[in-house]
Amino acid sequence: MSKYIGLFSGGKDSLVACHYLWFQGKLNEVLYCKTGIGLKENFDYVVETCDKFGWKLNIVEPKDNESYEDFIRKFGFPHQGMHSAIMGYLKWHPLRKFARGKDIIYVSGRRRRESRRRMGKVKGELETTENITFYSPLLEWTDKMVWDYIKNNSLERCPVYDTLHMSGDCLCGAFSELGESELIATFHGYMAEHIKSLEIDYGGQWGNNSSMIGALKQDKIDSFVCNECVFRT
């Protein structure tokens, strides 16, 4: 009989997916991909949550020569068209290695309505890719359903949602949005400095809208509001 293992990134969807199956008595083990470009606050939250619910925590990392820095050195900073490639380095290859020789099903928090990109990519609740099977119990859930589940079950979300509005387990920058680099620079300076050092060492820029070097030069919070708002204060 296949064993369920939750893919727990620290994000709201993975939290709900893992808790949903755990509550049904189907899951007591999770796996976390330590990408090397995630926030310490997110990892601490994952550890604390697993301790709280008694989930066995497995941690996997990219193999040698496939770190985030290795990727940048070879191909430059990842942007939208390179998302699959960087995820292969940081998550897919470690997941595949962990699953090798095991009869397991990965529990994923993927949802059709999570993004337009995923609307057409997630084909069904149970999906097998390259001999790895994924189960997506939240496939048809809306954002409201996810947040209602968190509220109704008194779950604690990752504190990084208060600063970045996402979990922060992987800040590769491939799908970064306007203002994200400034938020990282403002609330998670150590990560901004790390990314800045990579920009200096290898050239190019993180993300899709501004470099981290530029973000660190901004006037922090003031850069998030329009000039009209600034002039009115």
Protein backbone atom coordinates (compact mmCIF):
# COMPACT_ATOMS: atom_id res chain seq x y z
CA MET A 1 0.00 0.00 0.00
CA SER A 2 1.36 3.39 -0.99
CA LYS A 3 2.42 5.78 1.76
CA TYR A 4 1.36 9.43 1.72
CA ILE A 5 4.13 11.97 2.30
CA GLY A 6 3.17 15.63 2.39
CA LEU A 7 5.17 18.20 0.47
CA PHE A 8 5.29 20.85 3.17
CA SER A 9 6.87 24.08 1.95
CA GLY A 10 5.47 26.25 4.72
CA GLY A 11 2.93 27.84 2.38
CA LYS A 12 -0.77 28.00 3.19
CA ASP A 13 -1.80 25.46 0.55
CA SER A 14 0.76 22.86 1.58
CA LEU A 15 -0.18 23.41 5.23
CA VAL A 16 -3.85 22.78 4.54
CA ALA A 17 -3.21 19.80 2.26
CA CYS A 18 -1.00 18.11 4.87
CA HIS A 19 -3.32 18.91 7.76
CA TYR A 20 -6.37 17.79 5.77
CA LEU A 21 -4.93 14.30 5.21
CA TRP A 22 -3.40 14.13 8.69
CA PHE A 23 -6.80 14.87 10.22
CA GLN A 24 -8.17 11.92 8.24
CA GLY A 25 -5.44 9.67 9.65
CA LYS A 26 -3.76 9.21 6.26
CA LEU A 27 -0.56 11.19 6.78
CA ASN A 28 2.05 11.61 9.50
CA GLU A 29 5.18 12.31 7.48
CA VAL A 30 6.22 15.31 5.37
CA LEU A 31 9.11 16.37 3.20
CA TYR A 32 10.68 19.80 2.93
CA CYS A 33 12.91 20.90 0.05
CA LYS A 34 15.63 23.12 1.46
CA THR A 35 16.39 25.15 -1.65
CA GLY A 36 19.22 27.27 -0.26
CA ILE A 37 17.37 30.43 -1.29
CA GLY A 38 14.59 30.25 1.29
CA LEU A 39 14.08 32.32 4.42
CA LYS A 40 15.20 31.06 7.81
CA GLU A 41 11.87 32.20 9.26
CA ASN A 42 10.05 29.88 6.87
CA PHE A 43 12.21 26.87 7.76
CA ASP A 44 11.78 27.54 11.48
CA TYR A 45 8.01 27.62 10.95
CA VAL A 46 8.10 24.26 9.15
CA VAL A 47 10.06 22.68 12.00
CA GLU A 48 7.74 24.14 14.66
CA THR A 49 4.60 23.04 12.80
CA CYS A 50 5.89 19.49 12.39
CA ASP A 51 6.72 19.37 16.10
CA LYS A 52 3.23 20.59 16.95
CA PHE A 53 1.41 17.92 14.94
CA GLY A 54 3.93 15.14 15.40
CA TRP A 55 4.79 14.94 11.70
CA LYS A 56 8.05 13.25 10.82
CA LEU A 57 10.08 15.84 8.91
CA ASN A 58 12.30 14.72 6.04
CA ILE A 59 14.60 17.35 4.54
CA VAL A 60 16.11 17.13 1.07
CA GLU A 61 18.53 19.50 -0.63
CA PRO A 62 19.87 20.02 -4.16
CA LYS A 63 22.64 17.66 -5.14
CA ASP A 64 26.23 18.76 -5.62
CA ASN A 65 26.70 21.25 -8.46
CA GLU A 66 22.97 22.03 -8.58
CA SER A 67 22.67 24.76 -5.96
CA TYR A 68 21.02 28.11 -6.67
CA GLU A 69 24.45 29.70 -7.03
CA ASP A 70 25.57 26.93 -9.40
CA PHE A 71 22.54 27.67 -11.59
CA ILE A 72 23.30 31.39 -11.69
CA ARG A 73 26.94 30.76 -12.52
CA LYS A 74 25.95 28.55 -15.46
CA PHE A 75 22.79 30.20 -16.79
CA GLY A 76 22.30 33.55 -15.05
CA PHE A 77 19.46 34.53 -12.72
CA PRO A 78 16.25 32.59 -13.46
CA HIS A 79 13.31 34.45 -14.95
CA GLN A 80 9.88 33.27 -16.04
CA GLY A 81 10.97 31.16 -19.00
CA MET A 82 13.53 29.39 -16.82
CA HIS A 83 11.25 28.41 -13.94
CA SER A 84 11.10 24.71 -14.82
CA ALA A 85 14.88 24.56 -15.08
CA ILE A 86 15.56 26.13 -11.69
CA MET A 87 12.85 24.04 -10.05
CA GLY A 88 14.50 20.96 -11.52
CA TYR A 89 17.69 21.92 -9.71
CA LEU A 90 16.18 22.96 -6.40
CA LYS A 91 13.13 20.71 -5.96
CA TRP A 92 12.39 18.13 -8.65
CA HIS A 93 15.72 16.31 -8.62
CA PRO A 94 15.77 16.01 -4.78
CA LEU A 95 12.12 14.83 -4.78
CA ARG A 96 12.85 12.22 -7.42
CA LYS A 97 15.91 10.96 -5.54
CA PHE A 98 13.96 10.66 -2.27
CA ALA A 99 11.15 8.71 -3.97
CA ARG A 100 13.46 6.29 -5.73
CA GLY A 101 12.72 2.71 -4.69
CA LYS A 102 9.85 3.75 -2.40
CA ASP A 103 6.11 3.19 -2.81
CA ILE A 104 5.01 6.70 -1.90
CA ILE A 105 2.53 9.31 -3.04
CA TYR A 106 3.50 12.94 -2.60
CA VAL A 107 0.67 15.09 -1.23
CA SER A 108 0.72 18.47 -2.95
CA GLY A 109 -1.13 21.69 -2.21
CA ARG A 110 -1.52 22.48 -5.90
CA ARG A 111 -4.79 24.13 -6.89
CA ARG A 112 -6.19 24.97 -10.31
CA ARG A 113 -7.22 28.43 -9.16
CA GLU A 114 -3.89 29.22 -7.54
CA SER A 115 -2.64 30.89 -10.71
CA ARG A 116 -3.38 31.09 -14.43
CA ARG A 117 -0.16 29.18 -15.05
CA ARG A 118 -1.45 26.18 -13.11
CA MET A 119 -5.02 26.26 -14.45
CA GLY A 120 -4.08 24.10 -17.42
CA LYS A 121 -1.11 22.22 -15.98
CA VAL A 122 -2.73 20.33 -13.12
CA LYS A 123 -4.67 17.57 -14.84
CA GLY A 124 -6.24 15.69 -11.93
CA GLU A 125 -6.13 14.96 -8.23
CA LEU A 126 -3.90 11.93 -8.85
CA GLU A 127 -1.15 12.46 -11.39
CA THR A 128 1.99 10.49 -12.20
CA THR A 129 5.02 12.16 -13.76
CA GLU A 130 8.31 10.34 -14.42
CA ASN A 131 7.23 7.49 -12.14
CA ILE A 132 6.41 9.87 -9.26
CA THR A 133 2.78 10.11 -8.16
CA PHE A 134 1.28 13.30 -6.76
CA TYR A 135 -2.04 13.65 -4.98
CA SER A 136 -3.62 17.12 -4.93
CA PRO A 137 -6.59 17.04 -2.50
CA LEU A 138 -7.16 20.80 -2.84
CA LEU A 139 -7.32 20.75 -6.61
CA GLU A 140 -10.69 22.51 -6.88
CA TRP A 141 -10.46 24.59 -3.72
CA THR A 142 -10.70 28.38 -3.87
CA ASP A 143 -8.57 30.82 -1.88
CA LYS A 144 -11.52 31.42 0.42
CA MET A 145 -11.87 27.71 1.13
CA VAL A 146 -8.19 27.50 2.06
CA TRP A 147 -8.31 30.51 4.38
CA ASP A 148 -11.59 29.30 5.92
CA TYR A 149 -9.98 25.93 6.65
CA ILE A 150 -7.04 27.65 8.34
CA LYS A 151 -9.38 29.75 10.45
CA ASN A 152 -11.79 26.95 11.33
CA ASN A 153 -8.95 24.65 12.41
CA SER A 154 -7.01 27.37 14.26
CA LEU A 155 -3.91 26.78 12.13
CA GLU A 156 -0.97 29.15 12.36
CA ARG A 157 0.28 30.42 9.01
CA CYS A 158 3.92 31.11 8.28
CA PRO A 159 4.89 34.55 9.68
CA VAL A 160 6.52 35.44 6.36
CA TYR A 161 3.00 36.00 4.99
CA ASP A 162 2.94 39.15 7.11
CA THR A 163 5.91 40.57 5.21
CA LEU A 164 6.02 38.97 1.75
CA HIS A 165 2.43 37.64 1.48
CA MET A 166 3.83 34.17 0.68
CA SER A 167 5.76 31.48 2.54
CA GLY A 168 9.29 32.37 1.46
CA ASP A 169 10.55 28.82 1.01
CA CYS A 170 12.08 29.62 -2.39
CA LEU A 171 13.02 33.13 -3.46
CA CYS A 172 14.61 32.19 -6.78
CA GLY A 173 12.95 35.22 -8.40
CA ALA A 174 11.63 33.45 -11.51
CA PHE A 175 8.08 34.68 -10.91
CA SER A 176 8.80 37.70 -8.73
CA GLU A 177 6.31 40.54 -8.85
CA LEU A 178 6.65 44.32 -8.70
CA GLY A 179 7.80 45.40 -5.26
CA GLU A 180 8.93 41.95 -4.12
CA SER A 181 12.62 42.83 -4.07
CA GLU A 182 11.86 45.93 -1.98
CA LEU A 183 9.85 43.84 0.49
CA ILE A 184 12.73 41.40 0.87
CA ALA A 185 15.18 44.27 1.34
CA THR A 186 12.93 45.90 3.93
CA PHE A 187 11.93 42.91 6.06
CA HIS A 188 14.56 40.25 5.36
CA GLY A 189 17.78 42.17 4.89
CA TYR A 190 20.08 39.18 5.30
CA MET A 191 18.51 37.50 2.24
CA ALA A 192 18.64 40.73 0.25
CA GLU A 193 22.34 41.06 1.03
CA HIS A 194 22.92 37.45 -0.05
CA ILE A 195 21.15 38.00 -3.37
CA LYS A 196 23.00 41.29 -3.83
CA SER A 197 26.32 39.46 -3.43
CA LEU A 198 25.26 37.03 -6.17
CA GLU A 199 24.42 39.95 -8.47
CA ILE A 200 27.85 41.43 -7.83
CA ASP A 201 29.69 38.13 -8.30
CA TYR A 202 27.88 36.92 -11.44
CA GLY A 203 26.27 39.99 -13.00
CA GLY A 204 22.64 40.22 -14.06
CA GLN A 205 19.75 40.94 -11.73
CA TRP A 206 17.40 39.01 -9.51
CA GLY A 207 13.70 38.95 -10.34
CA ASN A 208 11.66 40.52 -13.10
CA ASN A 209 11.32 44.15 -12.12
CA SER A 210 14.37 45.43 -10.25
CA SER A 211 17.74 44.27 -9.04
CA MET A 212 18.36 43.59 -5.37
CA ILE A 213 21.19 46.11 -5.51
CA GLY A 214 18.62 48.70 -6.59
CA ALA A 215 16.11 47.58 -3.96
CA LEU A 216 18.67 48.03 -1.17
CA LYS A 217 19.20 51.60 -2.32
CA GLN A 218 15.49 52.46 -2.10
CA ASP A 219 14.01 54.38 0.78
CA LYS A 220 12.45 51.15 2.04
CA ILE A 221 8.72 51.57 2.75
CA ASP A 222 8.52 54.90 0.90
CA SER A 223 9.23 53.08 -2.36
CA PHE A 224 5.96 51.13 -2.12
CA VAL A 225 3.66 54.14 -2.48
CA CYS A 226 3.15 56.48 -5.40
CA ASN A 227 4.56 59.98 -5.47
CA GLU A 228 1.11 61.49 -4.99
CA CYS A 229 0.68 59.60 -1.71
CA VAL A 230 4.14 60.63 -0.53
CA PHE A 231 3.47 64.30 -1.28
CA ARG A 232 0.21 64.17 0.72
CA THR A 233 1.89 62.92 3.91
